[in-house]
Every structure is written in C-alpha cells, then in structure tokens.
Amino acid sequence: MSTTRSDITDDANSSVNNGGGLSNQEEKRIVLKTRFEYRDASVIYFNMKRNMRFKKIMKCYYELHNLDFDNIVFFSYGRRLSPEQTPHEFDMENGDEIEAIDGWVLR
C-alpha cells in the first residue's frame, strides 16, 4: 500500500474577505484521506480548505493515477460526491475519508 500527501491551494477561494460567510474555524484547512481499494490500495491525503470544491482533489487524483474522469466515482460515508460540492456542505472534518471507486464496478 502506498501513501501520498498533497497540499492543494486555490487562490480564487483564499481571499482575505472570505465572502462565503464561513467562520475562521470553517476556513481552516482540513486533511481528507482518499482510498482507492480496487487497484492498488493506495491512500492519498489531501490538505484543503473546507470551502474548496471537490473538483480540485478529484482532478489531482485522476492525474496522479493516470485515470479517466468518467471511470471513477467518489463517495464519503455512503454519499456520492459531486465535483462542485465542498467539504463544508458535507460537514466534513479533519481526517474524514473519501473512497474512490472504479465506476465500472457500479454498472
């Protein structure tokens, strides 16, 4: 099993004004653990802000594993994640897990 850590930054979401209405506590970075069991049991840790969209970590995950966007589905505690959603919308906290599942398994 391999383990990787990735820091993701998004300058568009890191303004000082914090126009999204999030408190300073919610604006803090959290670490999400992504596990892909079906190929190599790899684990990747993503460090991101709670208001950053999941598409950032999804894109990074696809690039790291040379995967096609249409073949992977992401879940957290049984809920499918959309690229446009954020950890804040799911009340995710530091250490929460995301599962990356080969979409062919679900068909």
C-alpha atoms as a PDB file:
ATOM      1  CA  MET A   1       0.000   0.000   0.000  1.00  0.00           C
ATOM      2  CA  SER A   2       1.369   3.411  -0.912  1.00  0.00           C
ATOM      3  CA  THR A   3       0.714   6.686   0.893  1.00  0.00           C
ATOM      4  CA  THR A   4       0.987  10.173  -0.572  1.00  0.00           C
ATOM      5  CA  ARG A   5       0.292  13.621   0.862  1.00  0.00           C
ATOM      6  CA  SER A   6      -0.832  16.529  -1.296  1.00  0.00           C
ATOM      7  CA  ASP A   7      -1.392  20.186  -0.437  1.00  0.00           C
ATOM      8  CA  ILE A   8      -3.919  21.822  -2.719  1.00  0.00           C
ATOM      9  CA  THR A   9      -4.268  25.569  -2.935  1.00  0.00           C
ATOM     10  CA  ASP A  10      -6.922  27.561  -4.683  1.00  0.00           C
ATOM     11  CA  ASP A  11      -6.146  31.265  -4.967  1.00  0.00           C
ATOM     12  CA  ALA A  12      -9.712  32.017  -6.068  1.00  0.00           C
ATOM     13  CA  ASN A  13     -11.085  30.703  -2.764  1.00  0.00           C
ATOM     14  CA  SER A  14      -8.433  32.112  -0.447  1.00  0.00           C
ATOM     15  CA  SER A  15      -9.331  35.795  -0.368  1.00  0.00           C
ATOM     16  CA  VAL A  16      -8.964  37.721   2.863  1.00  0.00           C
ATOM     17  CA  ASN A  17     -12.585  38.868   2.728  1.00  0.00           C
ATOM     18  CA  ASN A  18     -13.970  35.317   2.976  1.00  0.00           C
ATOM     19  CA  GLY A  19     -17.141  36.341   1.116  1.00  0.00           C
ATOM     20  CA  GLY A  20     -18.604  32.850   1.513  1.00  0.00           C
ATOM     21  CA  GLY A  21     -19.792  33.529   5.057  1.00  0.00           C
ATOM     22  CA  LEU A  22     -17.617  30.856   6.674  1.00  0.00           C
ATOM     23  CA  SER A  23     -16.227  31.454  10.149  1.00  0.00           C
ATOM     24  CA  ASN A  24     -12.474  31.390  10.720  1.00  0.00           C
ATOM     25  CA  GLN A  25     -12.837  27.883  12.165  1.00  0.00           C
ATOM     26  CA  GLU A  26     -14.541  26.637   8.993  1.00  0.00           C
ATOM     27  CA  GLU A  27     -11.974  28.402   6.787  1.00  0.00           C
ATOM     28  CA  LYS A  28      -9.141  26.347   8.301  1.00  0.00           C
ATOM     29  CA  ARG A  29      -7.574  23.608   6.268  1.00  0.00           C
ATOM     30  CA  ILE A  30      -8.596  20.019   6.821  1.00  0.00           C
ATOM     31  CA  VAL A  31      -6.923  16.808   5.729  1.00  0.00           C
ATOM     32  CA  LEU A  32      -9.074  14.333   3.811  1.00  0.00           C
ATOM     33  CA  LYS A  33      -7.965  10.738   3.345  1.00  0.00           C
ATOM     34  CA  THR A  34      -8.691   9.255  -0.095  1.00  0.00           C
ATOM     35  CA  ARG A  35      -8.569   5.492  -0.524  1.00  0.00           C
ATOM     36  CA  PHE A  36      -8.710   3.580  -3.809  1.00  0.00           C
ATOM     37  CA  GLU A  37      -9.084  -0.095  -2.929  1.00  0.00           C
ATOM     38  CA  TYR A  38      -9.771  -1.682  -6.297  1.00  0.00           C
ATOM     39  CA  ARG A  39      -6.408  -1.164  -7.952  1.00  0.00           C
ATOM     40  CA  ASP A  40      -3.508  -0.843  -5.549  1.00  0.00           C
ATOM     41  CA  ALA A  41      -4.950   0.014  -2.108  1.00  0.00           C
ATOM     42  CA  SER A  42      -3.221   3.389  -2.251  1.00  0.00           C
ATOM     43  CA  VAL A  43      -4.012   6.141   0.221  1.00  0.00           C
ATOM     44  CA  ILE A  44      -3.593   9.835  -0.552  1.00  0.00           C
ATOM     45  CA  TYR A  45      -4.005  12.629   1.992  1.00  0.00           C
ATOM     46  CA  PHE A  46      -5.288  15.937   0.635  1.00  0.00           C
ATOM     47  CA  ASN A  47      -4.854  19.116   2.635  1.00  0.00           C
ATOM     48  CA  MET A  48      -7.547  21.594   1.597  1.00  0.00           C
ATOM     49  CA  LYS A  49      -9.871  24.319   2.823  1.00  0.00           C
ATOM     50  CA  ARG A  50     -13.414  23.410   3.800  1.00  0.00           C
ATOM     51  CA  ASN A  51     -14.858  25.744   1.146  1.00  0.00           C
ATOM     52  CA  MET A  52     -12.733  24.394  -1.738  1.00  0.00           C
ATOM     53  CA  ARG A  53     -14.653  22.372  -4.329  1.00  0.00           C
ATOM     54  CA  PHE A  54     -14.022  18.625  -4.567  1.00  0.00           C
ATOM     55  CA  LYS A  55     -13.149  19.000  -8.259  1.00  0.00           C
ATOM     56  CA  LYS A  56      -9.666  20.139  -7.194  1.00  0.00           C
ATOM     57  CA  ILE A  57      -8.863  16.914  -5.353  1.00  0.00           C
ATOM     58  CA  MET A  58     -10.646  14.804  -7.963  1.00  0.00           C
ATOM     59  CA  LYS A  59      -8.563  16.310 -10.756  1.00  0.00           C
ATOM     60  CA  CYS A  60      -5.371  15.837  -8.751  1.00  0.00           C
ATOM     61  CA  TYR A  61      -6.348  12.225  -8.015  1.00  0.00           C
ATOM     62  CA  TYR A  62      -7.007  11.481 -11.702  1.00  0.00           C
ATOM     63  CA  GLU A  63      -3.655  12.970 -12.701  1.00  0.00           C
ATOM     64  CA  LEU A  64      -1.691  11.122 -10.003  1.00  0.00           C
ATOM     65  CA  HIS A  65      -3.133   7.761 -11.064  1.00  0.00           C
ATOM     66  CA  ASN A  66      -3.488   8.371 -14.834  1.00  0.00           C
ATOM     67  CA  LEU A  67      -7.222   7.706 -14.615  1.00  0.00           C
ATOM     68  CA  ASP A  68     -10.100   8.755 -16.829  1.00  0.00           C
ATOM     69  CA  PHE A  69     -12.552  11.237 -15.290  1.00  0.00           C
ATOM     70  CA  ASP A  70     -15.583   9.185 -16.368  1.00  0.00           C
ATOM     71  CA  ASN A  71     -14.461   5.936 -14.732  1.00  0.00           C
ATOM     72  CA  ILE A  72     -14.046   6.958 -11.087  1.00  0.00           C
ATOM     73  CA  VAL A  73     -16.777   7.783  -8.557  1.00  0.00           C
ATOM     74  CA  PHE A  74     -16.056   9.409  -5.189  1.00  0.00           C
ATOM     75  CA  PHE A  75     -18.026   8.667  -2.005  1.00  0.00           C
ATOM     76  CA  SER A  76     -17.827   9.768   1.609  1.00  0.00           C
ATOM     77  CA  TYR A  77     -19.720   7.721   4.193  1.00  0.00           C
ATOM     78  CA  GLY A  78     -22.075   6.376   1.527  1.00  0.00           C
ATOM     79  CA  ARG A  79     -22.794   9.757  -0.080  1.00  0.00           C
ATOM     80  CA  ARG A  80     -21.654  10.356  -3.662  1.00  0.00           C
ATOM     81  CA  LEU A  81     -19.536  13.491  -4.035  1.00  0.00           C
ATOM     82  CA  SER A  82     -20.084  15.942  -6.859  1.00  0.00           C
ATOM     83  CA  PRO A  83     -17.116  17.954  -8.205  1.00  0.00           C
ATOM     84  CA  GLU A  84     -18.990  21.182  -7.439  1.00  0.00           C
ATOM     85  CA  GLN A  85     -19.621  20.367  -3.768  1.00  0.00           C
ATOM     86  CA  THR A  86     -17.349  21.252  -0.842  1.00  0.00           C
ATOM     87  CA  PRO A  87     -16.335  19.548   2.426  1.00  0.00           C
ATOM     88  CA  HIS A  88     -18.287  22.294   4.236  1.00  0.00           C
ATOM     89  CA  GLU A  89     -21.530  21.132   2.562  1.00  0.00           C
ATOM     90  CA  PHE A  90     -20.940  17.621   3.942  1.00  0.00           C
ATOM     91  CA  ASP A  91     -19.839  18.809   7.405  1.00  0.00           C
ATOM     92  CA  MET A  92     -16.528  17.028   6.825  1.00  0.00           C
ATOM     93  CA  GLU A  93     -13.825  17.300   9.436  1.00  0.00           C
ATOM     94  CA  ASN A  94     -10.114  16.679   9.638  1.00  0.00           C
ATOM     95  CA  GLY A  95      -9.375  13.005   8.909  1.00  0.00           C
ATOM     96  CA  ASP A  96     -12.651  12.151   7.145  1.00  0.00           C
ATOM     97  CA  GLU A  97     -12.334   9.588   4.367  1.00  0.00           C
ATOM     98  CA  ILE A  98     -13.238   9.693   0.699  1.00  0.00           C
ATOM     99  CA  GLU A  99     -13.476   6.462  -1.273  1.00  0.00           C
ATOM    100  CA  ALA A 100     -12.563   6.452  -4.956  1.00  0.00           C
ATOM    101  CA  ILE A 101     -14.346   3.587  -6.676  1.00  0.00           C
ATOM    102  CA  ASP A 102     -13.943   2.351 -10.211  1.00  0.00           C
ATOM    103  CA  GLY A 103     -17.191   3.304 -11.940  1.00  0.00           C
ATOM    104  CA  TRP A 104     -17.259   0.029 -13.857  1.00  0.00           C
ATOM    105  CA  VAL A 105     -17.842  -1.793 -10.583  1.00  0.00           C
ATOM    106  CA  LEU A 106     -21.057   0.181 -10.073  1.00  0.00           C
ATOM    107  CA  ARG A 107     -22.510  -0.545 -13.522  1.00  0.00           C
END
